[in-house]
C-alpha atoms as a PDB file:
ATOM      1  CA  MET A   1       8.282 -26.622  20.886  1.00  0.00           C
ATOM      2  CA  ILE A   2       6.228 -24.240  23.026  1.00  0.00           C
ATOM      3  CA  GLN A   3       3.252 -22.468  21.454  1.00  0.00           C
ATOM      4  CA  LYS A   4       2.469 -19.022  22.896  1.00  0.00           C
ATOM      5  CA  THR A   5      -1.110 -17.852  22.346  1.00  0.00           C
ATOM      6  CA  LEU A   6      -2.517 -14.425  23.162  1.00  0.00           C
ATOM      7  CA  THR A   7      -5.789 -14.234  25.126  1.00  0.00           C
ATOM      8  CA  PHE A   8      -7.900 -11.188  26.076  1.00  0.00           C
ATOM      9  CA  GLN A   9     -10.547 -10.919  28.763  1.00  0.00           C
ATOM     10  CA  GLY A  10     -11.500  -7.338  27.967  1.00  0.00           C
ATOM     11  CA  LEU A  11      -8.993  -4.666  26.998  1.00  0.00           C
ATOM     12  CA  SER A  12      -7.567  -4.431  30.534  1.00  0.00           C
ATOM     13  CA  ASN A  13      -6.700  -8.114  30.936  1.00  0.00           C
ATOM     14  CA  SER A  14      -4.485  -9.919  28.425  1.00  0.00           C
ATOM     15  CA  PHE A  15      -1.983 -12.746  28.769  1.00  0.00           C
ATOM     16  CA  PHE A  16      -0.087 -15.446  26.891  1.00  0.00           C
ATOM     17  CA  THR A  17      -0.874 -19.091  27.451  1.00  0.00           C
ATOM     18  CA  GLU A  18       1.845 -21.645  26.755  1.00  0.00           C
ATOM     19  CA  SER A  19       1.433 -25.252  25.681  1.00  0.00           C
ATOM     20  CA  GLU A  20       3.440 -27.938  23.942  1.00  0.00           C
ATOM     21  CA  PHE A  21       2.962 -27.627  20.202  1.00  0.00           C
ATOM     22  CA  SER A  22       1.847 -30.772  18.405  1.00  0.00           C
ATOM     23  CA  LEU A  23       1.051 -31.173  14.713  1.00  0.00           C
ATOM     24  CA  PRO A  24      -1.660 -33.599  13.537  1.00  0.00           C
ATOM     25  CA  ASP A  25      -0.814 -35.864  10.615  1.00  0.00           C
ATOM     26  CA  GLY A  26      -1.281 -34.170   7.263  1.00  0.00           C
ATOM     27  CA  TRP A  27      -1.242 -30.654   8.712  1.00  0.00           C
ATOM     28  CA  THR A  28       1.309 -27.932   7.907  1.00  0.00           C
ATOM     29  CA  LYS A  29       3.434 -26.273  10.565  1.00  0.00           C
ATOM     30  CA  LEU A  30       3.703 -22.519  10.120  1.00  0.00           C
ATOM     31  CA  THR A  31       6.085 -20.347  12.107  1.00  0.00           C
ATOM     32  CA  MET A  32       4.675 -16.827  12.258  1.00  0.00           C
ATOM     33  CA  ASP A  33       6.322 -13.905  10.508  1.00  0.00           C
ATOM     34  CA  TYR A  34       3.624 -11.257  11.036  1.00  0.00           C
ATOM     35  CA  SER A  35       0.083 -11.130  12.355  1.00  0.00           C
ATOM     36  CA  THR A  36      -2.242  -8.178  11.884  1.00  0.00           C
ATOM     37  CA  VAL A  37      -3.888  -6.258  14.724  1.00  0.00           C
ATOM     38  CA  SER A  38      -7.212  -5.192  13.257  1.00  0.00           C
ATOM     39  CA  PRO A  39      -9.780  -2.645  14.491  1.00  0.00           C
ATOM     40  CA  GLY A  40     -12.609  -4.754  13.070  1.00  0.00           C
ATOM     41  CA  THR A  41     -14.292  -7.931  14.277  1.00  0.00           C
ATOM     42  CA  GLU A  42     -11.697  -8.932  16.836  1.00  0.00           C
ATOM     43  CA  LEU A  43     -11.756  -5.546  18.596  1.00  0.00           C
ATOM     44  CA  PHE A  44     -15.547  -5.748  18.646  1.00  0.00           C
ATOM     45  CA  CYS A  45     -15.296  -9.111  20.449  1.00  0.00           C
ATOM     46  CA  ILE A  46     -12.682  -7.902  22.959  1.00  0.00           C
ATOM     47  CA  ARG A  47     -14.822  -4.912  23.920  1.00  0.00           C
ATOM     48  CA  GLU A  48     -17.614  -7.265  24.932  1.00  0.00           C
ATOM     49  CA  GLY A  49     -15.370  -8.476  27.760  1.00  0.00           C
ATOM     50  CA  ARG A  50     -15.610 -12.213  27.214  1.00  0.00           C
ATOM     51  CA  SER A  51     -12.545 -14.409  26.821  1.00  0.00           C
ATOM     52  CA  CYS A  52     -11.233 -13.872  23.289  1.00  0.00           C
ATOM     53  CA  MET A  53      -8.243 -15.066  21.287  1.00  0.00           C
ATOM     54  CA  PRO A  54      -7.938 -12.462  18.513  1.00  0.00           C
ATOM     55  CA  GLY A  55      -5.584 -12.567  15.584  1.00  0.00           C
ATOM     56  CA  TYR A  56      -7.039 -14.307  12.529  1.00  0.00           C
ATOM     57  CA  ILE A  57      -4.821 -12.542   9.941  1.00  0.00           C
ATOM     58  CA  MET A  58      -1.327 -14.018   9.692  1.00  0.00           C
ATOM     59  CA  THR A  59       1.691 -14.664   7.524  1.00  0.00           C
ATOM     60  CA  GLY A  60       4.317 -17.287   8.272  1.00  0.00           C
ATOM     61  CA  HIS A  61       6.846 -19.672   6.816  1.00  0.00           C
ATOM     62  CA  THR A  62       6.899 -23.418   6.425  1.00  0.00           C
ATOM     63  CA  GLU A  63       9.715 -25.651   7.612  1.00  0.00           C
ATOM     64  CA  ASN A  64      11.396 -25.324   4.198  1.00  0.00           C
ATOM     65  CA  GLY A  65      11.354 -21.517   4.546  1.00  0.00           C
ATOM     66  CA  LYS A  66       8.503 -20.783   2.109  1.00  0.00           C
ATOM     67  CA  HIS A  67       6.525 -17.689   3.127  1.00  0.00           C
ATOM     68  CA  CYS A  68       2.733 -17.991   2.951  1.00  0.00           C
ATOM     69  CA  PHE A  69      -0.321 -15.905   3.672  1.00  0.00           C
ATOM     70  CA  VAL A  70      -2.969 -17.807   5.631  1.00  0.00           C
ATOM     71  CA  PHE A  71      -6.649 -17.899   4.785  1.00  0.00           C
ATOM     72  CA  PRO A  72      -8.003 -20.381   7.328  1.00  0.00           C
ATOM     73  CA  SER A  73     -10.996 -22.644   6.863  1.00  0.00           C
ATOM     74  CA  MET A  74     -14.137 -21.752   8.825  1.00  0.00           C
ATOM     75  CA  LYS A  75     -13.330 -24.182  11.640  1.00  0.00           C
ATOM     76  CA  GLU A  76      -9.812 -22.750  11.965  1.00  0.00           C
ATOM     77  CA  SER A  77     -10.764 -19.089  11.498  1.00  0.00           C
ATOM     78  CA  SER A  78     -10.649 -18.248  15.220  1.00  0.00           C
ATOM     79  CA  GLY A  79      -6.897 -18.101  14.687  1.00  0.00           C
ATOM     80  CA  ALA A  80      -5.225 -16.258  17.569  1.00  0.00           C
ATOM     81  CA  HIS A  81      -1.962 -14.333  17.694  1.00  0.00           C
ATOM     82  CA  CYS A  82       0.642 -17.020  18.307  1.00  0.00           C
ATOM     83  CA  ASN A  83       4.256 -17.833  17.474  1.00  0.00           C
ATOM     84  CA  VAL A  84       3.512 -21.112  15.689  1.00  0.00           C
ATOM     85  CA  ARG A  85       0.409 -22.953  14.536  1.00  0.00           C
ATOM     86  CA  GLY A  86      -0.769 -25.899  12.502  1.00  0.00           C
ATOM     87  CA  LEU A  87      -3.043 -25.582   9.468  1.00  0.00           C
ATOM     88  CA  SER A  88      -5.160 -28.365   8.043  1.00  0.00           C
ATOM     89  CA  PRO A  89      -5.394 -29.127   4.306  1.00  0.00           C
ATOM     90  CA  GLU A  90      -8.788 -27.335   4.357  1.00  0.00           C
ATOM     91  CA  SER A  91      -7.082 -23.975   4.917  1.00  0.00           C
ATOM     92  CA  LEU A  92      -5.514 -21.987   2.108  1.00  0.00           C
ATOM     93  CA  LEU A  93      -1.796 -21.240   2.296  1.00  0.00           C
ATOM     94  CA  LEU A  94      -1.038 -18.716  -0.426  1.00  0.00           C
ATOM     95  CA  PRO A  95       2.680 -18.781  -1.375  1.00  0.00           C
ATOM     96  CA  LEU A  96       4.231 -15.313  -1.468  1.00  0.00           C
ATOM     97  CA  PRO A  97       6.978 -14.270  -3.918  1.00  0.00           C
ATOM     98  CA  GLU A  98      10.387 -13.501  -2.431  1.00  0.00           C
ATOM     99  CA  GLN A  99      10.015  -9.793  -3.179  1.00  0.00           C
ATOM    100  CA  PHE A 100       6.633  -9.518  -1.438  1.00  0.00           C
ATOM    101  CA  PRO A 101       6.693  -7.156   1.603  1.00  0.00           C
ATOM    102  CA  LEU A 102       5.652  -9.517   4.430  1.00  0.00           C
ATOM    103  CA  GLU A 103       4.576  -6.714   6.752  1.00  0.00           C
ATOM    104  CA  LEU A 104       1.876  -5.770   4.217  1.00  0.00           C
ATOM    105  CA  ALA A 105       0.571  -9.293   3.616  1.00  0.00           C
ATOM    106  CA  GLY A 106      -2.194  -8.886   6.196  1.00  0.00           C
ATOM    107  CA  PHE A 107      -3.881  -6.335   3.942  1.00  0.00           C
ATOM    108  CA  LEU A 108      -4.673  -9.191   1.547  1.00  0.00           C
ATOM    109  CA  ARG A 109      -7.439 -10.271   3.950  1.00  0.00           C
ATOM    110  CA  PHE A 110      -9.080  -6.834   3.795  1.00  0.00           C
ATOM    111  CA  ILE A 111      -8.656  -6.687   0.020  1.00  0.00           C
ATOM    112  CA  ASN A 112     -10.445 -10.012  -0.316  1.00  0.00           C
ATOM    113  CA  ILE A 113     -13.384  -8.828   1.804  1.00  0.00           C
ATOM    114  CA  GLY A 114     -13.823  -5.711  -0.305  1.00  0.00           C
ATOM    115  CA  MET A 115     -13.401  -7.544  -3.609  1.00  0.00           C
ATOM    116  CA  HIS A 116     -16.156 -10.124  -3.120  1.00  0.00           C
ATOM    117  CA  PRO A 117     -19.046  -7.629  -3.594  1.00  0.00           C
ATOM    118  CA  PHE A 118     -17.899  -7.030  -7.175  1.00  0.00           C
ATOM    119  CA  HIS A 119     -18.421 -10.716  -7.972  1.00  0.00           C
ATOM    120  CA  HIS A 120     -22.008 -10.577  -6.724  1.00  0.00           C
ATOM    121  CA  VAL A 121     -23.291  -8.095  -9.303  1.00  0.00           C
ATOM    122  CA  GLU A 122     -24.152  -8.995 -12.884  1.00  0.00           C
ATOM    123  CA  THR A 123     -22.115  -6.167 -14.423  1.00  0.00           C
ATOM    124  CA  LEU A 124     -19.295  -4.034 -13.068  1.00  0.00           C
ATOM    125  CA  PRO A 125     -20.953  -1.051 -11.367  1.00  0.00           C
ATOM    126  CA  ASP A 126     -20.393   2.478 -12.626  1.00  0.00           C
ATOM    127  CA  GLN A 127     -21.058   4.208  -9.301  1.00  0.00           C
ATOM    128  CA  VAL A 128     -19.929   2.702  -5.963  1.00  0.00           C
ATOM    129  CA  ALA A 129     -20.256   4.038  -2.426  1.00  0.00           C
ATOM    130  CA  VAL A 130     -18.284   2.602   0.482  1.00  0.00           C
ATOM    131  CA  ILE A 131     -19.597   3.329   3.972  1.00  0.00           C
ATOM    132  CA  GLY A 132     -16.893   3.177   6.644  1.00  0.00           C
ATOM    133  CA  LEU A 133     -13.271   3.915   5.739  1.00  0.00           C
ATOM    134  CA  GLY A 134     -11.457   1.605   8.128  1.00  0.00           C
ATOM    135  CA  PRO A 135      -9.029  -0.962   6.637  1.00  0.00           C
ATOM    136  CA  VAL A 136     -11.771  -2.949   4.864  1.00  0.00           C
ATOM    137  CA  GLY A 137     -13.604   0.117   3.579  1.00  0.00           C
ATOM    138  CA  ASN A 138     -10.482   1.976   2.484  1.00  0.00           C
ATOM    139  CA  LEU A 139      -9.299  -1.020   0.472  1.00  0.00           C
ATOM    140  CA  ALA A 140     -12.782  -1.712  -0.919  1.00  0.00           C
ATOM    141  CA  ALA A 141     -12.792   1.869  -2.187  1.00  0.00           C
ATOM    142  CA  GLN A 142      -9.297   1.431  -3.639  1.00  0.00           C
ATOM    143  CA  THR A 143     -10.455  -1.796  -5.316  1.00  0.00           C
ATOM    144  CA  ALA A 144     -13.451  -0.009  -6.840  1.00  0.00           C
ATOM    145  CA  ARG A 145     -11.085   2.598  -8.232  1.00  0.00           C
ATOM    146  CA  LEU A 146      -8.821  -0.113  -9.691  1.00  0.00           C
ATOM    147  CA  PHE A 147     -11.841  -1.732 -11.350  1.00  0.00           C
ATOM    148  CA  GLY A 148     -12.533   1.605 -13.040  1.00  0.00           C
ATOM    149  CA  CYS A 149     -15.601   2.514 -10.993  1.00  0.00           C
ATOM    150  CA  SER A 150     -16.439   5.991  -9.784  1.00  0.00           C
ATOM    151  CA  VAL A 151     -16.261   5.711  -5.984  1.00  0.00           C
ATOM    152  CA  VAL A 152     -17.367   7.777  -2.992  1.00  0.00           C
ATOM    153  CA  GLY A 153     -16.124   7.002   0.515  1.00  0.00           C
ATOM    154  CA  VAL A 154     -18.169   7.829   3.632  1.00  0.00           C
ATOM    155  CA  ASP A 155     -16.885   8.128   7.205  1.00  0.00           C
ATOM    156  CA  PRO A 156     -17.565  10.400  10.205  1.00  0.00           C
ATOM    157  CA  SER A 157     -13.823  10.676  10.937  1.00  0.00           C
ATOM    158  CA  GLU A 158     -12.079  13.558   9.202  1.00  0.00           C
ATOM    159  CA  SER A 159      -8.701  11.835   9.581  1.00  0.00           C
ATOM    160  CA  ARG A 160      -9.981   8.657   7.912  1.00  0.00           C
ATOM    161  CA  ARG A 161     -11.481  10.683   5.095  1.00  0.00           C
ATOM    162  CA  LYS A 162      -8.129  12.446   4.608  1.00  0.00           C
ATOM    163  CA  LEU A 163      -6.327   9.086   4.692  1.00  0.00           C
ATOM    164  CA  ALA A 164      -8.690   7.788   2.003  1.00  0.00           C
ATOM    165  CA  GLU A 165      -7.884  10.829  -0.121  1.00  0.00           C
ATOM    166  CA  CYS A 166      -4.169  10.077   0.312  1.00  0.00           C
ATOM    167  CA  CYS A 167      -4.942   6.582  -0.978  1.00  0.00           C
ATOM    168  CA  GLY A 168      -6.466   7.889  -4.189  1.00  0.00           C
ATOM    169  CA  ILE A 169     -10.149   8.099  -3.206  1.00  0.00           C
ATOM    170  CA  GLY A 170     -11.031  11.441  -4.709  1.00  0.00           C
ATOM    171  CA  THR A 171     -14.504  11.929  -3.228  1.00  0.00           C
ATOM    172  CA  VAL A 172     -15.143  11.458   0.502  1.00  0.00           C
ATOM    173  CA  LEU A 173     -18.168  12.570   2.511  1.00  0.00           C
ATOM    174  CA  PRO A 174     -19.246  12.710   6.147  1.00  0.00           C
ATOM    175  CA  PRO A 175     -22.421  10.696   6.874  1.00  0.00           C
ATOM    176  CA  GLN A 176     -24.631  13.793   7.187  1.00  0.00           C
ATOM    177  CA  GLU A 177     -23.840  14.753   3.583  1.00  0.00           C
ATOM    178  CA  PHE A 178     -24.225  11.212   2.294  1.00  0.00           C
ATOM    179  CA  ALA A 179     -27.655  11.036   3.962  1.00  0.00           C
ATOM    180  CA  SER A 180     -29.007  13.482   1.380  1.00  0.00           C
ATOM    181  CA  VAL A 181     -27.825  11.397  -1.608  1.00  0.00           C
ATOM    182  CA  GLU A 182     -30.666   9.586  -3.405  1.00  0.00           C
ATOM    183  CA  LYS A 183     -30.776   6.953  -6.155  1.00  0.00           C
ATOM    184  CA  THR A 184     -27.193   7.454  -7.278  1.00  0.00           C
ATOM    185  CA  PHE A 185     -25.197   4.237  -6.777  1.00  0.00           C
ATOM    186  CA  ASP A 186     -25.306   0.826  -8.417  1.00  0.00           C
ATOM    187  CA  LEU A 187     -23.456  -0.758  -5.469  1.00  0.00           C
ATOM    188  CA  VAL A 188     -23.059   0.245  -1.838  1.00  0.00           C
ATOM    189  CA  ILE A 189     -20.510  -1.603   0.312  1.00  0.00           C
ATOM    190  CA  ASP A 190     -21.570  -1.077   3.925  1.00  0.00           C
ATOM    191  CA  THR A 191     -18.755  -1.989   6.310  1.00  0.00           C
ATOM    192  CA  VAL A 192     -20.763  -0.724   9.316  1.00  0.00           C
ATOM    193  CA  SER A 193     -24.241  -2.257   8.803  1.00  0.00           C
ATOM    194  CA  ALA A 194     -25.998  -0.227  11.490  1.00  0.00           C
ATOM    195  CA  SER A 195     -29.587   1.016  11.171  1.00  0.00           C
ATOM    196  CA  SER A 196     -28.415   4.467  10.095  1.00  0.00           C
ATOM    197  CA  THR A 197     -26.021   3.176   7.409  1.00  0.00           C
ATOM    198  CA  LEU A 198     -28.433   0.576   6.023  1.00  0.00           C
ATOM    199  CA  LYS A 199     -31.106   3.271   5.753  1.00  0.00           C
ATOM    200  CA  ALA A 200     -28.628   5.566   3.982  1.00  0.00           C
ATOM    201  CA  SER A 201     -27.624   2.686   1.689  1.00  0.00           C
ATOM    202  CA  ALA A 202     -31.228   2.075   0.627  1.00  0.00           C
ATOM    203  CA  ARG A 203     -31.753   5.769  -0.058  1.00  0.00           C
ATOM    204  CA  ALA A 204     -28.514   6.089  -2.045  1.00  0.00           C
ATOM    205  CA  LEU A 205     -29.027   3.040  -4.255  1.00  0.00           C
ATOM    206  CA  LYS A 206     -30.473   3.296  -7.715  1.00  0.00           C
ATOM    207  CA  ASP A 207     -33.513   1.140  -8.378  1.00  0.00           C
ATOM    208  CA  ASN A 208     -32.286  -2.469  -8.875  1.00  0.00           C
ATOM    209  CA  GLY A 209     -29.108  -1.604  -6.952  1.00  0.00           C
ATOM    210  CA  CYS A 210     -27.237  -3.839  -4.519  1.00  0.00           C
ATOM    211  CA  CYS A 211     -25.911  -3.355  -0.989  1.00  0.00           C
ATOM    212  CA  SER A 212     -23.210  -5.688   0.314  1.00  0.00           C
ATOM    213  CA  MET A 213     -23.429  -5.813   4.120  1.00  0.00           C
ATOM    214  CA  VAL A 214     -19.765  -6.356   4.933  1.00  0.00           C
ATOM    215  CA  GLY A 215     -20.009  -5.219   8.551  1.00  0.00           C
ATOM    216  CA  ILE A 216     -21.590  -7.392  11.230  1.00  0.00           C
ATOM    217  CA  VAL A 217     -25.245  -6.304  11.295  1.00  0.00           C
ATOM    218  CA  LYS A 218     -25.976  -4.375  14.495  1.00  0.00           C
ATOM    219  CA  PRO A 219     -29.242  -4.186  16.450  1.00  0.00           C
ATOM    220  CA  GLY A 220     -31.023  -0.934  15.700  1.00  0.00           C
ATOM    221  CA  ASP A 221     -34.227   1.047  15.607  1.00  0.00           C
ATOM    222  CA  TRP A 222     -34.978   0.997  11.857  1.00  0.00           C
ATOM    223  CA  PRO A 223     -37.978  -1.314  11.444  1.00  0.00           C
ATOM    224  CA  ALA A 224     -37.373  -4.301   9.182  1.00  0.00           C
ATOM    225  CA  SER A 225     -40.704  -3.544   7.484  1.00  0.00           C
ATOM    226  CA  GLU A 226     -39.357  -0.205   6.223  1.00  0.00           C
ATOM    227  CA  LEU A 227     -36.244  -1.825   4.771  1.00  0.00           C
ATOM    228  CA  CYS A 228     -38.344  -4.585   3.196  1.00  0.00           C
ATOM    229  CA  ALA A 229     -40.664  -1.969   1.705  1.00  0.00           C
ATOM    230  CA  GLU A 230     -37.695  -0.253   0.062  1.00  0.00           C
ATOM    231  CA  ILE A 231     -36.480  -3.605  -1.270  1.00  0.00           C
ATOM    232  CA  TRP A 232     -39.947  -4.532  -2.579  1.00  0.00           C
ATOM    233  CA  ASN A 233     -40.796  -1.170  -4.124  1.00  0.00           C
ATOM    234  CA  ARG A 234     -37.452  -0.587  -5.827  1.00  0.00           C
ATOM    235  CA  ASN A 235     -36.192  -4.137  -6.434  1.00  0.00           C
ATOM    236  CA  LEU A 236     -33.135  -3.595  -4.241  1.00  0.00           C
ATOM    237  CA  LEU A 237     -30.815  -6.388  -3.187  1.00  0.00           C
ATOM    238  CA  PHE A 238     -29.292  -6.499   0.296  1.00  0.00           C
ATOM    239  CA  ARG A 239     -26.949  -9.432   0.702  1.00  0.00           C
ATOM    240  CA  SER A 240     -24.376 -10.743   3.159  1.00  0.00           C
ATOM    241  CA  GLY A 241     -20.809  -9.525   2.718  1.00  0.00           C
ATOM    242  CA  TRP A 242     -19.385 -12.200   5.039  1.00  0.00           C
ATOM    243  CA  GLU A 243     -16.278 -13.391   3.202  1.00  0.00           C
ATOM    244  CA  MET A 244     -16.398 -16.906   4.683  1.00  0.00           C
ATOM    245  CA  LYS A 245     -19.678 -17.572   2.832  1.00  0.00           C
ATOM    246  CA  ASN A 246     -17.897 -17.441  -0.535  1.00  0.00           C
ATOM    247  CA  PRO A 247     -16.227 -20.396  -2.299  1.00  0.00           C
ATOM    248  CA  LEU A 248     -12.577 -20.805  -1.326  1.00  0.00           C
ATOM    249  CA  SER A 249     -11.669 -20.892  -5.023  1.00  0.00           C
ATOM    250  CA  LEU A 250     -13.076 -17.365  -5.447  1.00  0.00           C
ATOM    251  CA  THR A 251     -11.222 -16.165  -2.345  1.00  0.00           C
ATOM    252  CA  GLU A 252      -7.996 -17.599  -3.741  1.00  0.00           C
ATOM    253  CA  GLU A 253      -8.608 -15.738  -7.007  1.00  0.00           C
ATOM    254  CA  ASN A 254      -9.152 -12.496  -5.075  1.00  0.00           C
ATOM    255  CA  LEU A 255      -6.013 -12.986  -2.994  1.00  0.00           C
ATOM    256  CA  LYS A 256      -3.855 -13.666  -6.047  1.00  0.00           C
ATOM    257  CA  ARG A 257      -5.218 -10.600  -7.816  1.00  0.00           C
ATOM    258  CA  GLY A 258      -4.638  -8.532  -4.673  1.00  0.00           C
ATOM    259  CA  MET A 259      -1.093  -9.872  -4.429  1.00  0.00           C
ATOM    260  CA  ARG A 260      -0.374  -8.848  -8.035  1.00  0.00           C
ATOM    261  CA  TRP A 261      -1.814  -5.377  -7.455  1.00  0.00           C
ATOM    262  CA  ILE A 262       0.288  -4.950  -4.301  1.00  0.00           C
ATOM    263  CA  LEU A 263       3.434  -5.991  -6.155  1.00  0.00           C
ATOM    264  CA  ASP A 264       2.824  -3.488  -8.963  1.00  0.00           C
ATOM    265  CA  SER A 265       2.018  -0.745  -6.404  1.00  0.00           C
ATOM    266  CA  SER A 266      -1.583  -0.340  -7.559  1.00  0.00           C
ATOM    267  CA  TYR A 267      -2.735  -0.290  -3.927  1.00  0.00           C
ATOM    268  CA  ILE A 268      -1.522   2.433  -1.580  1.00  0.00           C
ATOM    269  CA  LEU A 269      -0.838   0.563   1.676  1.00  0.00           C
ATOM    270  CA  ARG A 270       2.032   2.129   3.614  1.00  0.00           C
ATOM    271  CA  PRO A 271      -0.088   4.961   5.103  1.00  0.00           C
ATOM    272  CA  LEU A 272      -2.521   2.315   6.441  1.00  0.00           C
ATOM    273  CA  LEU A 273       0.065   0.581   8.634  1.00  0.00           C
ATOM    274  CA  THR A 274       0.264   2.688  11.772  1.00  0.00           C
ATOM    275  CA  GLU A 275       2.846   0.696  13.700  1.00  0.00           C
ATOM    276  CA  ILE A 276       4.826  -2.569  13.808  1.00  0.00           C
ATOM    277  CA  VAL A 277       5.502  -3.976  17.290  1.00  0.00           C
ATOM    278  CA  LYS A 278       7.482  -6.812  18.823  1.00  0.00           C
ATOM    279  CA  PRO A 279       5.605  -9.863  20.167  1.00  0.00           C
ATOM    280  CA  GLU A 280       5.660  -8.507  23.698  1.00  0.00           C
ATOM    281  CA  LEU A 281       2.476  -8.494  25.780  1.00  0.00           C
ATOM    282  CA  SER A 282       2.783  -4.852  26.837  1.00  0.00           C
ATOM    283  CA  GLU A 283       3.281  -3.682  23.239  1.00  0.00           C
ATOM    284  CA  ILE A 284       0.421  -5.743  21.826  1.00  0.00           C
ATOM    285  CA  THR A 285      -1.937  -4.637  24.591  1.00  0.00           C
ATOM    286  CA  ARG A 286      -0.962  -1.015  24.002  1.00  0.00           C
ATOM    287  CA  VAL A 287      -1.787  -1.065  20.279  1.00  0.00           C
ATOM    288  CA  TYR A 288      -5.126  -2.796  20.881  1.00  0.00           C
ATOM    289  CA  ARG A 289      -6.014  -0.147  23.442  1.00  0.00           C
ATOM    290  CA  ASN A 290      -4.935   2.600  21.048  1.00  0.00           C
ATOM    291  CA  LEU A 291      -7.051   1.126  18.260  1.00  0.00           C
ATOM    292  CA  ALA A 292     -10.028   1.191  20.619  1.00  0.00           C
ATOM    293  CA  GLU A 293      -9.423   4.602  22.179  1.00  0.00           C
ATOM    294  CA  GLN A 294      -7.660   6.564  19.416  1.00  0.00           C
ATOM    295  CA  PRO A 295      -9.292   5.445  16.149  1.00  0.00           C
ATOM    296  CA  ASP A 296      -8.378   8.729  14.470  1.00  0.00           C
ATOM    297  CA  ARG A 297      -4.664   8.093  15.067  1.00  0.00           C
ATOM    298  CA  TYR A 298      -4.453   4.299  14.965  1.00  0.00           C
ATOM    299  CA  PHE A 299      -5.587   2.487  11.841  1.00  0.00           C
ATOM    300  CA  CYS A 300      -3.949  -0.922  11.577  1.00  0.00           C
ATOM    301  CA  CYS A 301      -0.887  -2.497  13.222  1.00  0.00           C
ATOM    302  CA  ALA A 302       1.247  -5.607  12.821  1.00  0.00           C
ATOM    303  CA  ILE A 303       3.138  -7.879  15.198  1.00  0.00           C
ATOM    304  CA  ASP A 304       6.589  -8.889  13.976  1.00  0.00           C
ATOM    305  CA  TRP A 305       7.078 -12.411  15.382  1.00  0.00           C
ATOM    306  CA  ARG A 306      10.583 -12.569  13.918  1.00  0.00           C
ATOM    307  CA  ALA A 307      11.772  -9.879  16.349  1.00  0.00           C
END
C-alpha cells in the first residue's frame, strides 16, 4: 500500500511524498477518515518557511472498521496529513461511537487543551478569562461555561468575538478593553502567550490566581523581572499549558468527557468548521493559505480522506 504524506516548505510550496507503507510489529494500522487543518501550531511552523509536515489531529478506522480518534505519543506527535499511518501502543486510540460525527472529532484535541487548565487549580474557578478565541480558546471558553464558571473571552477580531457569542460565550472583549481589567479572575487561559497578553493576564488575575500559558510563548519586550515581581508580590502562578506535559490518563479522561459533551450537544461546534475539502493538494493548500491570510473568515477546516 502506498502512503501519501503532505509536506510544506512555506505556504507557496507544498507536495505529497509517496512511499511503501509498512507496519512494525505490535503497531495499529489506521486508514484516515478526517484530519484537521488548524490555524495554530502547524500554521506557525509553515510560516517560518522550513520543511514541515503538518497535520497532527486525525480520525481514522482500523482494519476491522472501528473508528478512532488519535492522540499520539510525544514521539509520534509530528503526525502529518496522510492517507494511512501506523500508531504504536504508546499512542492513544479513542474508540468513537457509531453515532459520533467523524468530521467533528478533530475538535476533541482542542477541547482537551482547554480542559487541562481546570485540573491544575485546587478549586473550580468562579471567574475565567480566555485570551484568544481561535479553536482552542473558543472551546476553552465553552468548557469554562460547561463547568459553571463565569467566562470572558478576549480577541482583537470582531468576527471571532461574534463567533464566540454564537457559541454561548456571553461576554467578549477586545484586548484594549481587557487591558483595563484588574484583579478580577481566578484563572486566565492565555492561548497567545505574547508579552502583551501575559502582562494583561497578570493584571487581570486576582491575588493567588493562575495563568495557563496554552500558546507557545513568544519573544517580547516585557522584562522577565516585571513578570516575576508580579508573581512574587501577589503570589500568582504562571504555568505551562502544553497538553503533552500532562499524564496520558488525564488526557484520556478529558477526551472521553469531551466526547460525551459533543454527543449530548453541550458544545456548539458546527459554526467552527469553516470548510471540508477533498484530499487534493490544490484544495489543502488553498485552505491553509486562507487560514493564514483570511483569519476573520477561515476558522478551522477538515480534510475528508474518504472522498
